[in-house]
Amino acid sequence: MKLLLIILSILIGGRAEFDKTVHDFGTITQADGPQKCVFTITNKGDEPLTILSAISSCGCTNVRWTRSSLAKGEKGQVEATFTNEDGPFPFDKTITVYLSDIKKPVVLHLRGVVK
């Protein structure tokens, strides 16, 4: 996992670093209700970094993110809530994150199994 984060940091120009790119909820039930997780991003570059948008792959995942620019060393968040209204099924939802001055978006994953 650490190697994946290092590679991801290199691919996005070393300007940004996510604490993780995959969150696994494990096995959950519908009775557990909505499931939340947070991805933390750190600005490793010298210039301010802004999360321009974060788009979920479906309507079952709601996304909020830090709207202010992050100075060097500052941290921001992408918070995802999986509504967990349907099931049973395994799921792998994505959140595509667009960052200022970085050409390729970062794709985050939410995984798990609804029993």
PDB file of N, CA and C in Angstrom:
ATOM      1  N   MET A   1       0.827  -1.185   0.000  1.00  0.00           N
ATOM      2  CA  MET A   1       0.000   0.000   0.000  1.00  0.00           C
ATOM      3  C   MET A   1       0.871   1.249   0.000  1.00  0.00           C
ATOM      4  N   LYS A   2       1.929   1.256   0.808  1.00  0.00           N
ATOM      5  CA  LYS A   2       2.834   2.409   0.867  1.00  0.00           C
ATOM      6  C   LYS A   2       3.460   2.661  -0.494  1.00  0.00           C
ATOM      7  N   LEU A   3       3.855   1.582  -1.192  1.00  0.00           N
ATOM      8  CA  LEU A   3       4.439   1.714  -2.519  1.00  0.00           C
ATOM      9  C   LEU A   3       3.449   2.346  -3.477  1.00  0.00           C
ATOM     10  N   LEU A   4       2.177   1.941  -3.406  1.00  0.00           N
ATOM     11  CA  LEU A   4       1.144   2.513  -4.264  1.00  0.00           C
ATOM     12  C   LEU A   4       1.015   4.012  -4.024  1.00  0.00           C
ATOM     13  N   LEU A   5       1.078   4.456  -2.779  1.00  0.00           N
ATOM     14  CA  LEU A   5       0.975   5.884  -2.463  1.00  0.00           C
ATOM     15  C   LEU A   5       2.180   6.648  -2.983  1.00  0.00           C
ATOM     16  N   ILE A   6       3.357   6.054  -2.928  1.00  0.00           N
ATOM     17  CA  ILE A   6       4.556   6.695  -3.464  1.00  0.00           C
ATOM     18  C   ILE A   6       4.438   6.839  -4.979  1.00  0.00           C
ATOM     19  N   ILE A   7       4.010   5.783  -5.647  1.00  0.00           N
ATOM     20  CA  ILE A   7       3.826   5.824  -7.099  1.00  0.00           C
ATOM     21  C   ILE A   7       2.788   6.870  -7.469  1.00  0.00           C
ATOM     22  N   LEU A   8       1.672   6.904  -6.743  1.00  0.00           N
ATOM     23  CA  LEU A   8       0.626   7.891  -7.011  1.00  0.00           C
ATOM     24  C   LEU A   8       1.172   9.301  -6.843  1.00  0.00           C
ATOM     25  N   SER A   9       1.956   9.532  -5.818  1.00  0.00           N
ATOM     26  CA  SER A   9       2.546  10.850  -5.575  1.00  0.00           C
ATOM     27  C   SER A   9       3.443  11.264  -6.738  1.00  0.00           C
ATOM     28  N   ILE A  10       4.213  10.323  -7.271  1.00  0.00           N
ATOM     29  CA  ILE A  10       5.080  10.607  -8.414  1.00  0.00           C
ATOM     30  C   ILE A  10       4.241  10.923  -9.638  1.00  0.00           C
ATOM     31  N   LEU A  11       3.180  10.152  -9.876  1.00  0.00           N
ATOM     32  CA  LEU A  11       2.333  10.362 -11.044  1.00  0.00           C
ATOM     33  C   LEU A  11       1.647  11.717 -11.037  1.00  0.00           C
ATOM     34  N   ILE A  12       1.334  12.245  -9.873  1.00  0.00           N
ATOM     35  CA  ILE A  12       0.676  13.553  -9.825  1.00  0.00           C
ATOM     36  C   ILE A  12       1.690  14.653  -9.517  1.00  0.00           C
ATOM     37  N   GLY A  13       2.930  14.394  -9.926  1.00  0.00           N
ATOM     38  CA  GLY A  13       3.950  15.414  -9.890  1.00  0.00           C
ATOM     39  C   GLY A  13       4.526  15.692  -8.515  1.00  0.00           C
ATOM     40  N   GLY A  14       4.282  14.823  -7.554  1.00  0.00           N
ATOM     41  CA  GLY A  14       4.810  15.043  -6.229  1.00  0.00           C
ATOM     42  C   GLY A  14       4.167  16.215  -5.503  1.00  0.00           C
ATOM     43  N   ARG A  15       3.137  16.790  -6.091  1.00  0.00           N
ATOM     44  CA  ARG A  15       2.482  17.960  -5.502  1.00  0.00           C
ATOM     45  C   ARG A  15       1.458  17.595  -4.450  1.00  0.00           C
ATOM     46  N   ALA A  16       0.915  16.402  -4.546  1.00  0.00           N
ATOM     47  CA  ALA A  16      -0.153  16.002  -3.634  1.00  0.00           C
ATOM     48  C   ALA A  16       0.064  14.565  -3.197  1.00  0.00           C
ATOM     49  N   GLU A  17      -0.350  14.281  -1.967  1.00  0.00           N
ATOM     50  CA  GLU A  17      -0.222  12.919  -1.457  1.00  0.00           C
ATOM     51  C   GLU A  17      -1.488  12.563  -0.688  1.00  0.00           C
ATOM     52  N   PHE A  18      -2.133  11.481  -1.090  1.00  0.00           N
ATOM     53  CA  PHE A  18      -3.308  10.969  -0.379  1.00  0.00           C
ATOM     54  C   PHE A  18      -2.859   9.955   0.663  1.00  0.00           C
ATOM     55  N   ASP A  19      -3.534   9.916   1.801  1.00  0.00           N
ATOM     56  CA  ASP A  19      -3.198   8.933   2.830  1.00  0.00           C
ATOM     57  C   ASP A  19      -3.561   7.520   2.394  1.00  0.00           C
ATOM     58  N   LYS A  20      -4.518   7.410   1.476  1.00  0.00           N
ATOM     59  CA  LYS A  20      -4.932   6.120   0.917  1.00  0.00           C
ATOM     60  C   LYS A  20      -5.711   6.410  -0.351  1.00  0.00           C
ATOM     61  N   THR A  21      -5.827   5.424  -1.220  1.00  0.00           N
ATOM     62  CA  THR A  21      -6.645   5.577  -2.423  1.00  0.00           C
ATOM     63  C   THR A  21      -7.788   4.565  -2.439  1.00  0.00           C
ATOM     64  N   VAL A  22      -7.789   3.647  -1.474  1.00  0.00           N
ATOM     65  CA  VAL A  22      -8.846   2.640  -1.358  1.00  0.00           C
ATOM     66  C   VAL A  22      -9.312   2.593   0.090  1.00  0.00           C
ATOM     67  N   HIS A  23     -10.635   2.605   0.272  1.00  0.00           N
ATOM     68  CA  HIS A  23     -11.197   2.354   1.599  1.00  0.00           C
ATOM     69  C   HIS A  23     -12.096   1.137   1.489  1.00  0.00           C
ATOM     70  N   ASP A  24     -11.810   0.111   2.287  1.00  0.00           N
ATOM     71  CA  ASP A  24     -12.594  -1.123   2.283  1.00  0.00           C
ATOM     72  C   ASP A  24     -13.468  -1.154   3.535  1.00  0.00           C
ATOM     73  N   PHE A  25     -14.786  -1.091   3.330  1.00  0.00           N
ATOM     74  CA  PHE A  25     -15.721  -1.146   4.450  1.00  0.00           C
ATOM     75  C   PHE A  25     -15.877  -2.563   4.995  1.00  0.00           C
ATOM     76  N   GLY A  26     -15.363  -3.550   4.276  1.00  0.00           N
ATOM     77  CA  GLY A  26     -15.541  -4.938   4.689  1.00  0.00           C
ATOM     78  C   GLY A  26     -16.969  -5.376   4.431  1.00  0.00           C
ATOM     79  N   THR A  27     -17.467  -6.264   5.258  1.00  0.00           N
ATOM     80  CA  THR A  27     -18.843  -6.748   5.123  1.00  0.00           C
ATOM     81  C   THR A  27     -19.748  -5.917   6.022  1.00  0.00           C
ATOM     82  N   ILE A  28     -20.795  -5.354   5.410  1.00  0.00           N
ATOM     83  CA  ILE A  28     -21.768  -4.530   6.132  1.00  0.00           C
ATOM     84  C   ILE A  28     -23.161  -5.031   5.801  1.00  0.00           C
ATOM     85  N   THR A  29     -24.147  -4.607   6.562  1.00  0.00           N
ATOM     86  CA  THR A  29     -25.544  -4.924   6.261  1.00  0.00           C
ATOM     87  C   THR A  29     -26.285  -3.627   5.991  1.00  0.00           C
ATOM     88  N   GLN A  30     -27.444  -3.726   5.366  1.00  0.00           N
ATOM     89  CA  GLN A  30     -28.256  -2.536   5.131  1.00  0.00           C
ATOM     90  C   GLN A  30     -28.642  -1.868   6.451  1.00  0.00           C
ATOM     91  N   ALA A  31     -28.835  -2.676   7.487  1.00  0.00           N
ATOM     92  CA  ALA A  31     -29.209  -2.143   8.798  1.00  0.00           C
ATOM     93  C   ALA A  31     -28.111  -1.250   9.386  1.00  0.00           C
ATOM     94  N   ASP A  32     -26.875  -1.378   8.886  1.00  0.00           N
ATOM     95  CA  ASP A  32     -25.771  -0.538   9.366  1.00  0.00           C
ATOM     96  C   ASP A  32     -25.926   0.915   8.934  1.00  0.00           C
ATOM     97  N   GLY A  33     -26.793   1.152   7.950  1.00  0.00           N
ATOM     98  CA  GLY A  33     -27.031   2.517   7.485  1.00  0.00           C
ATOM     99  C   GLY A  33     -25.882   3.055   6.650  1.00  0.00           C
ATOM    100  N   PRO A  34     -25.920   4.363   6.357  1.00  0.00           N
ATOM    101  CA  PRO A  34     -24.875   4.979   5.539  1.00  0.00           C
ATOM    102  C   PRO A  34     -23.486   4.790   6.156  1.00  0.00           C
ATOM    103  N   GLN A  35     -22.506   4.602   5.293  1.00  0.00           N
ATOM    104  CA  GLN A  35     -21.123   4.384   5.719  1.00  0.00           C
ATOM    105  C   GLN A  35     -20.253   5.532   5.221  1.00  0.00           C
ATOM    106  N   LYS A  36     -19.462   6.109   6.121  1.00  0.00           N
ATOM    107  CA  LYS A  36     -18.617   7.250   5.762  1.00  0.00           C
ATOM    108  C   LYS A  36     -17.138   6.885   5.852  1.00  0.00           C
ATOM    109  N   CYS A  37     -16.349   7.550   5.029  1.00  0.00           N
ATOM    110  CA  CYS A  37     -14.897   7.459   5.133  1.00  0.00           C
ATOM    111  C   CYS A  37     -14.292   8.781   4.672  1.00  0.00           C
ATOM    112  N   VAL A  38     -13.053   8.997   5.066  1.00  0.00           N
ATOM    113  CA  VAL A  38     -12.351  10.232   4.722  1.00  0.00           C
ATOM    114  C   VAL A  38     -11.005   9.886   4.097  1.00  0.00           C
ATOM    115  N   PHE A  39     -10.707  10.540   2.971  1.00  0.00           N
ATOM    116  CA  PHE A  39      -9.396  10.464   2.341  1.00  0.00           C
ATOM    117  C   PHE A  39      -8.720  11.803   2.621  1.00  0.00           C
ATOM    118  N   THR A  40      -7.511  11.777   3.150  1.00  0.00           N
ATOM    119  CA  THR A  40      -6.788  13.009   3.469  1.00  0.00           C
ATOM    120  C   THR A  40      -5.719  13.259   2.413  1.00  0.00           C
ATOM    121  N   ILE A  41      -5.670  14.498   1.928  1.00  0.00           N
ATOM    122  CA  ILE A  41      -4.679  14.899   0.930  1.00  0.00           C
ATOM    123  C   ILE A  41      -3.763  15.947   1.550  1.00  0.00           C
ATOM    124  N   THR A  42      -2.467  15.824   1.269  1.00  0.00           N
ATOM    125  CA  THR A  42      -1.479  16.784   1.755  1.00  0.00           C
ATOM    126  C   THR A  42      -0.814  17.452   0.553  1.00  0.00           C
ATOM    127  N   ASN A  43      -0.710  18.780   0.588  1.00  0.00           N
ATOM    128  CA  ASN A  43      -0.018  19.514  -0.470  1.00  0.00           C
ATOM    129  C   ASN A  43       1.487  19.395  -0.234  1.00  0.00           C
ATOM    130  N   LYS A  44       2.158  18.681  -1.115  1.00  0.00           N
ATOM    131  CA  LYS A  44       3.606  18.486  -1.022  1.00  0.00           C
ATOM    132  C   LYS A  44       4.374  19.461  -1.919  1.00  0.00           C
ATOM    133  N   GLY A  45       3.642  20.255  -2.698  1.00  0.00           N
ATOM    134  CA  GLY A  45       4.290  21.195  -3.612  1.00  0.00           C
ATOM    135  C   GLY A  45       4.540  22.544  -2.966  1.00  0.00           C
ATOM    136  N   ASP A  46       5.164  23.441  -3.728  1.00  0.00           N
ATOM    137  CA  ASP A  46       5.464  24.785  -3.245  1.00  0.00           C
ATOM    138  C   ASP A  46       4.323  25.765  -3.491  1.00  0.00           C
ATOM    139  N   GLU A  47       3.473  25.468  -4.464  1.00  0.00           N
ATOM    140  CA  GLU A  47       2.349  26.338  -4.827  1.00  0.00           C
ATOM    141  C   GLU A  47       1.065  25.849  -4.166  1.00  0.00           C
ATOM    142  N   PRO A  48       0.090  26.752  -3.987  1.00  0.00           N
ATOM    143  CA  PRO A  48      -1.206  26.329  -3.434  1.00  0.00           C
ATOM    144  C   PRO A  48      -1.844  25.238  -4.303  1.00  0.00           C
ATOM    145  N   LEU A  49      -2.559  24.344  -3.671  1.00  0.00           N
ATOM    146  CA  LEU A  49      -3.235  23.234  -4.340  1.00  0.00           C
ATOM    147  C   LEU A  49      -4.719  23.314  -4.002  1.00  0.00           C
ATOM    148  N   THR A  50      -5.561  23.134  -5.018  1.00  0.00           N
ATOM    149  CA  THR A  50      -7.009  23.194  -4.813  1.00  0.00           C
ATOM    150  C   THR A  50      -7.657  21.925  -5.346  1.00  0.00           C
ATOM    151  N   ILE A  51      -8.558  21.365  -4.567  1.00  0.00           N
ATOM    152  CA  ILE A  51      -9.393  20.266  -5.059  1.00  0.00           C
ATOM    153  C   ILE A  51     -10.506  20.942  -5.858  1.00  0.00           C
ATOM    154  N   LEU A  52     -10.474  20.796  -7.169  1.00  0.00           N
ATOM    155  CA  LEU A  52     -11.441  21.469  -8.036  1.00  0.00           C
ATOM    156  C   LEU A  52     -12.806  20.804  -7.975  1.00  0.00           C
ATOM    157  N   SER A  53     -12.806  19.473  -7.992  1.00  0.00           N
ATOM    158  CA  SER A  53     -14.068  18.733  -7.876  1.00  0.00           C
ATOM    159  C   SER A  53     -13.771  17.290  -7.522  1.00  0.00           C
ATOM    160  N   ALA A  54     -14.796  16.631  -7.006  1.00  0.00           N
ATOM    161  CA  ALA A  54     -14.732  15.213  -6.672  1.00  0.00           C
ATOM    162  C   ALA A  54     -16.070  14.625  -7.112  1.00  0.00           C
ATOM    163  N   ILE A  55     -16.025  13.726  -8.079  1.00  0.00           N
ATOM    164  CA  ILE A  55     -17.238  13.201  -8.706  1.00  0.00           C
ATOM    165  C   ILE A  55     -17.359  11.709  -8.426  1.00  0.00           C
ATOM    166  N   SER A  56     -18.512  11.310  -7.870  1.00  0.00           N
ATOM    167  CA  SER A  56     -18.731   9.892  -7.567  1.00  0.00           C
ATOM    168  C   SER A  56     -19.251   9.168  -8.809  1.00  0.00           C
ATOM    169  N   SER A  57     -19.034   7.863  -8.834  1.00  0.00           N
ATOM    170  CA  SER A  57     -19.427   7.050  -9.986  1.00  0.00           C
ATOM    171  C   SER A  57     -20.917   6.751 -10.020  1.00  0.00           C
ATOM    172  N   CYS A  58     -21.621   7.002  -8.917  1.00  0.00           N
ATOM    173  CA  CYS A  58     -23.062   6.754  -8.927  1.00  0.00           C
ATOM    174  C   CYS A  58     -23.746   7.600  -7.856  1.00  0.00           C
ATOM    175  N   GLY A  59     -25.054   7.634  -7.908  1.00  0.00           N
ATOM    176  CA  GLY A  59     -25.831   8.420  -6.959  1.00  0.00           C
ATOM    177  C   GLY A  59     -25.872   7.840  -5.558  1.00  0.00           C
ATOM    178  N   CYS A  60     -25.325   6.654  -5.372  1.00  0.00           N
ATOM    179  CA  CYS A  60     -25.326   6.020  -4.046  1.00  0.00           C
ATOM    180  C   CYS A  60     -24.163   6.486  -3.181  1.00  0.00           C
ATOM    181  N   THR A  61     -23.312   7.340  -3.729  1.00  0.00           N
ATOM    182  CA  THR A  61     -22.169   7.855  -2.983  1.00  0.00           C
ATOM    183  C   THR A  61     -22.165   9.376  -3.042  1.00  0.00           C
ATOM    184  N   ASN A  62     -22.258   9.999  -1.885  1.00  0.00           N
ATOM    185  CA  ASN A  62     -22.222  11.461  -1.802  1.00  0.00           C
ATOM    186  C   ASN A  62     -20.819  11.887  -1.405  1.00  0.00           C
ATOM    187  N   VAL A  63     -20.367  13.006  -1.976  1.00  0.00           N
ATOM    188  CA  VAL A  63     -18.993  13.450  -1.759  1.00  0.00           C
ATOM    189  C   VAL A  63     -18.961  14.916  -1.331  1.00  0.00           C
ATOM    190  N   ARG A  64     -18.121  15.193  -0.335  1.00  0.00           N
ATOM    191  CA  ARG A  64     -17.805  16.564   0.087  1.00  0.00           C
ATOM    192  C   ARG A  64     -16.295  16.679   0.128  1.00  0.00           C
ATOM    193  N   TRP A  65     -15.778  17.885  -0.132  1.00  0.00           N
ATOM    194  CA  TRP A  65     -14.337  18.057  -0.109  1.00  0.00           C
ATOM    195  C   TRP A  65     -13.964  19.453   0.358  1.00  0.00           C
ATOM    196  N   THR A  66     -12.728  19.596   0.768  1.00  0.00           N
ATOM    197  CA  THR A  66     -12.191  20.886   1.192  1.00  0.00           C
ATOM    198  C   THR A  66     -12.221  21.832   0.004  1.00  0.00           C
ATOM    199  N   ARG A  67     -12.857  22.970   0.176  1.00  0.00           N
ATOM    200  CA  ARG A  67     -13.017  23.929  -0.927  1.00  0.00           C
ATOM    201  C   ARG A  67     -11.908  24.976  -0.973  1.00  0.00           C
ATOM    202  N   SER A  68     -11.245  25.216   0.128  1.00  0.00           N
ATOM    203  CA  SER A  68     -10.210  26.247   0.148  1.00  0.00           C
ATOM    204  C   SER A  68      -8.890  25.697  -0.397  1.00  0.00           C
ATOM    205  N   SER A  69      -8.055  26.586  -0.913  1.00  0.00           N
ATOM    206  CA  SER A  69      -6.738  26.191  -1.405  1.00  0.00           C
ATOM    207  C   SER A  69      -5.867  25.753  -0.240  1.00  0.00           C
ATOM    208  N   LEU A  70      -5.015  24.778  -0.507  1.00  0.00           N
ATOM    209  CA  LEU A  70      -4.116  24.246   0.511  1.00  0.00           C
ATOM    210  C   LEU A  70      -2.710  24.779   0.267  1.00  0.00           C
ATOM    211  N   ALA A  71      -2.157  25.467   1.237  1.00  0.00           N
ATOM    212  CA  ALA A  71      -0.780  25.943   1.145  1.00  0.00           C
ATOM    213  C   ALA A  71       0.168  24.751   1.322  1.00  0.00           C
ATOM    214  N   LYS A  72       1.442  24.952   1.050  1.00  0.00           N
ATOM    215  CA  LYS A  72       2.444  23.902   1.201  1.00  0.00           C
ATOM    216  C   LYS A  72       2.339  23.292   2.597  1.00  0.00           C
ATOM    217  N   GLY A  73       2.213  21.958   2.645  1.00  0.00           N
ATOM    218  CA  GLY A  73       2.141  21.238   3.914  1.00  0.00           C
ATOM    219  C   GLY A  73       0.750  21.116   4.508  1.00  0.00           C
ATOM    220  N   GLU A  74      -0.203  21.881   3.992  1.00  0.00           N
ATOM    221  CA  GLU A  74      -1.570  21.813   4.533  1.00  0.00           C
ATOM    222  C   GLU A  74      -2.287  20.564   4.048  1.00  0.00           C
ATOM    223  N   LYS A  75      -3.270  20.161   4.848  1.00  0.00           N
ATOM    224  CA  LYS A  75      -4.065  18.978   4.536  1.00  0.00           C
ATOM    225  C   LYS A  75      -5.508  19.373   4.229  1.00  0.00           C
ATOM    226  N   GLY A  76      -6.125  18.602   3.353  1.00  0.00           N
ATOM    227  CA  GLY A  76      -7.532  18.741   3.038  1.00  0.00           C
ATOM    228  C   GLY A  76      -8.169  17.366   3.046  1.00  0.00           C
ATOM    229  N   GLN A  77      -9.480  17.330   2.808  1.00  0.00           N
ATOM    230  CA  GLN A  77     -10.173  16.046   2.872  1.00  0.00           C
ATOM    231  C   GLN A  77     -11.168  15.877   1.733  1.00  0.00           C
ATOM    232  N   VAL A  78     -11.343  14.626   1.354  1.00  0.00           N
ATOM    233  CA  VAL A  78     -12.443  14.203   0.499  1.00  0.00           C
ATOM    234  C   VAL A  78     -13.233  13.229   1.365  1.00  0.00           C
ATOM    235  N   GLU A  79     -14.460  13.593   1.701  1.00  0.00           N
ATOM    236  CA  GLU A  79     -15.309  12.757   2.555  1.00  0.00           C
ATOM    237  C   GLU A  79     -16.379  12.103   1.685  1.00  0.00           C
ATOM    238  N   ALA A  80     -16.492  10.801   1.785  1.00  0.00           N
ATOM    239  CA  ALA A  80     -17.462  10.050   0.991  1.00  0.00           C
ATOM    240  C   ALA A  80     -18.454   9.340   1.908  1.00  0.00           C
ATOM    241  N   THR A  81     -19.725   9.372   1.512  1.00  0.00           N
ATOM    242  CA  THR A  81     -20.768   8.648   2.231  1.00  0.00           C
ATOM    243  C   THR A  81     -21.463   7.708   1.258  1.00  0.00           C
ATOM    244  N   PHE A  82     -21.316   6.410   1.509  1.00  0.00           N
ATOM    245  CA  PHE A  82     -22.009   5.377   0.734  1.00  0.00           C
ATOM    246  C   PHE A  82     -23.369   5.195   1.385  1.00  0.00           C
ATOM    247  N   THR A  83     -24.452   5.437   0.629  1.00  0.00           N
ATOM    248  CA  THR A  83     -25.796   5.450   1.216  1.00  0.00           C
ATOM    249  C   THR A  83     -26.263   4.088   1.704  1.00  0.00           C
ATOM    250  N   ASN A  84     -25.746   3.005   1.120  1.00  0.00           N
ATOM    251  CA  ASN A  84     -26.040   1.649   1.591  1.00  0.00           C
ATOM    252  C   ASN A  84     -27.545   1.353   1.605  1.00  0.00           C
ATOM    253  N   GLU A  85     -28.224   1.743   0.544  1.00  0.00           N
ATOM    254  CA  GLU A  85     -29.677   1.558   0.476  1.00  0.00           C
ATOM    255  C   GLU A  85     -30.091   0.301  -0.275  1.00  0.00           C
ATOM    256  N   ASP A  86     -29.190  -0.307  -1.024  1.00  0.00           N
ATOM    257  CA  ASP A  86     -29.518  -1.489  -1.819  1.00  0.00           C
ATOM    258  C   ASP A  86     -28.623  -2.644  -1.418  1.00  0.00           C
ATOM    259  N   GLY A  87     -28.983  -3.823  -1.836  1.00  0.00           N
ATOM    260  CA  GLY A  87     -28.135  -4.980  -1.550  1.00  0.00           C
ATOM    261  C   GLY A  87     -28.962  -6.243  -1.648  1.00  0.00           C
ATOM    262  N   PRO A  88     -28.412  -7.361  -1.424  1.00  0.00           N
ATOM    263  CA  PRO A  88     -27.011  -7.624  -1.125  1.00  0.00           C
ATOM    264  C   PRO A  88     -26.172  -7.659  -2.401  1.00  0.00           C
ATOM    265  N   PHE A  89     -24.941  -7.152  -2.300  1.00  0.00           N
ATOM    266  CA  PHE A  89     -24.022  -7.184  -3.421  1.00  0.00           C
ATOM    267  C   PHE A  89     -22.641  -6.692  -2.977  1.00  0.00           C
ATOM    268  N   PRO A  90     -21.607  -7.128  -3.685  1.00  0.00           N
ATOM    269  CA  PRO A  90     -20.291  -6.518  -3.478  1.00  0.00           C
ATOM    270  C   PRO A  90     -20.279  -5.188  -4.226  1.00  0.00           C
ATOM    271  N   PHE A  91     -19.525  -4.222  -3.754  1.00  0.00           N
ATOM    272  CA  PHE A  91     -19.467  -2.939  -4.461  1.00  0.00           C
ATOM    273  C   PHE A  91     -18.046  -2.412  -4.530  1.00  0.00           C
ATOM    274  N   ASP A  92     -17.788  -1.647  -5.573  1.00  0.00           N
ATOM    275  CA  ASP A  92     -16.520  -0.939  -5.774  1.00  0.00           C
ATOM    276  C   ASP A  92     -16.881   0.372  -6.459  1.00  0.00           C
ATOM    277  N   LYS A  93     -17.087   1.397  -5.680  1.00  0.00           N
ATOM    278  CA  LYS A  93     -17.481   2.715  -6.179  1.00  0.00           C
ATOM    279  C   LYS A  93     -16.237   3.578  -6.317  1.00  0.00           C
ATOM    280  N   THR A  94     -16.258   4.488  -7.272  1.00  0.00           N
ATOM    281  CA  THR A  94     -15.106   5.355  -7.465  1.00  0.00           C
ATOM    282  C   THR A  94     -15.470   6.818  -7.251  1.00  0.00           C
ATOM    283  N   ILE A  95     -14.461   7.577  -6.861  1.00  0.00           N
ATOM    284  CA  ILE A  95     -14.560   9.023  -6.753  1.00  0.00           C
ATOM    285  C   ILE A  95     -13.390   9.574  -7.567  1.00  0.00           C
ATOM    286  N   THR A  96     -13.699  10.353  -8.581  1.00  0.00           N
ATOM    287  CA  THR A  96     -12.670  10.955  -9.418  1.00  0.00           C
ATOM    288  C   THR A  96     -12.400  12.361  -8.908  1.00  0.00           C
ATOM    289  N   VAL A  97     -11.161  12.607  -8.511  1.00  0.00           N
ATOM    290  CA  VAL A  97     -10.780  13.873  -7.890  1.00  0.00           C
ATOM    291  C   VAL A  97      -9.903  14.663  -8.862  1.00  0.00           C
ATOM    292  N   TYR A  98     -10.336  15.892  -9.146  1.00  0.00           N
ATOM    293  CA  TYR A  98      -9.589  16.792 -10.019  1.00  0.00           C
ATOM    294  C   TYR A  98      -8.887  17.838  -9.158  1.00  0.00           C
ATOM    295  N   LEU A  99      -7.566  17.979  -9.382  1.00  0.00           N
ATOM    296  CA  LEU A  99      -6.741  18.891  -8.598  1.00  0.00           C
ATOM    297  C   LEU A  99      -6.166  19.981  -9.505  1.00  0.00           C
ATOM    298  N   SER A 100      -5.972  21.171  -8.951  1.00  0.00           N
ATOM    299  CA  SER A 100      -5.414  22.274  -9.734  1.00  0.00           C
ATOM    300  C   SER A 100      -4.004  21.932 -10.224  1.00  0.00           C
ATOM    301  N   ASP A 101      -3.727  22.310 -11.450  1.00  0.00           N
ATOM    302  CA  ASP A 101      -2.402  22.150 -12.065  1.00  0.00           C
ATOM    303  C   ASP A 101      -1.920  20.716 -12.189  1.00  0.00           C
ATOM    304  N   ILE A 102      -2.817  19.747 -12.024  1.00  0.00           N
ATOM    305  CA  ILE A 102      -2.461  18.338 -12.219  1.00  0.00           C
ATOM    306  C   ILE A 102      -3.380  17.796 -13.305  1.00  0.00           C
ATOM    307  N   LYS A 103      -2.771  17.358 -14.421  1.00  0.00           N
ATOM    308  CA  LYS A 103      -3.547  16.996 -15.606  1.00  0.00           C
ATOM    309  C   LYS A 103      -4.441  15.780 -15.426  1.00  0.00           C
ATOM    310  N   LYS A 104      -3.920  14.727 -14.781  1.00  0.00           N
ATOM    311  CA  LYS A 104      -4.698  13.494 -14.634  1.00  0.00           C
ATOM    312  C   LYS A 104      -5.411  13.494 -13.286  1.00  0.00           C
ATOM    313  N   PRO A 105      -6.692  13.120 -13.295  1.00  0.00           N
ATOM    314  CA  PRO A 105      -7.400  13.034 -12.008  1.00  0.00           C
ATOM    315  C   PRO A 105      -6.918  11.833 -11.197  1.00  0.00           C
ATOM    316  N   VAL A 106      -7.182  11.888  -9.911  1.00  0.00           N
ATOM    317  CA  VAL A 106      -6.886  10.776  -9.007  1.00  0.00           C
ATOM    318  C   VAL A 106      -8.195  10.030  -8.778  1.00  0.00           C
ATOM    319  N   VAL A 107      -8.161   8.717  -8.876  1.00  0.00           N
ATOM    320  CA  VAL A 107      -9.357   7.904  -8.679  1.00  0.00           C
ATOM    321  C   VAL A 107      -9.258   7.189  -7.334  1.00  0.00           C
ATOM    322  N   LEU A 108     -10.227   7.476  -6.479  1.00  0.00           N
ATOM    323  CA  LEU A 108     -10.314   6.845  -5.159  1.00  0.00           C
ATOM    324  C   LEU A 108     -11.381   5.760  -5.208  1.00  0.00           C
ATOM    325  N   HIS A 109     -11.238   4.720  -4.394  1.00  0.00           N
ATOM    326  CA  HIS A 109     -12.182   3.602  -4.400  1.00  0.00           C
ATOM    327  C   HIS A 109     -12.801   3.367  -3.025  1.00  0.00           C
ATOM    328  N   LEU A 110     -14.102   3.045  -3.039  1.00  0.00           N
ATOM    329  CA  LEU A 110     -14.826   2.567  -1.854  1.00  0.00           C
ATOM    330  C   LEU A 110     -15.242   1.142  -2.181  1.00  0.00           C
ATOM    331  N   ARG A 111     -14.876   0.211  -1.311  1.00  0.00           N
ATOM    332  CA  ARG A 111     -15.183  -1.199  -1.568  1.00  0.00           C
ATOM    333  C   ARG A 111     -15.847  -1.822  -0.348  1.00  0.00           C
ATOM    334  N   GLY A 112     -16.527  -2.919  -0.614  1.00  0.00           N
ATOM    335  CA  GLY A 112     -17.117  -3.682   0.466  1.00  0.00           C
ATOM    336  C   GLY A 112     -18.144  -4.652  -0.068  1.00  0.00           C
ATOM    337  N   VAL A 113     -18.831  -5.293   0.868  1.00  0.00           N
ATOM    338  CA  VAL A 113     -19.896  -6.245   0.523  1.00  0.00           C
ATOM    339  C   VAL A 113     -21.089  -5.952   1.421  1.00  0.00           C
ATOM    340  N   VAL A 114     -22.246  -5.733   0.792  1.00  0.00           N
ATOM    341  CA  VAL A 114     -23.480  -5.568   1.549  1.00  0.00           C
ATOM    342  C   VAL A 114     -24.126  -6.941   1.634  1.00  0.00           C
ATOM    343  N   LYS A 115     -24.375  -7.421   2.851  1.00  0.00           N
ATOM    344  CA  LYS A 115     -25.011  -8.734   3.062  1.00  0.00           C
ATOM    345  C   LYS A 115     -26.475  -8.563   3.338  1.00  0.00           C
TER     346      LYS A 115
END
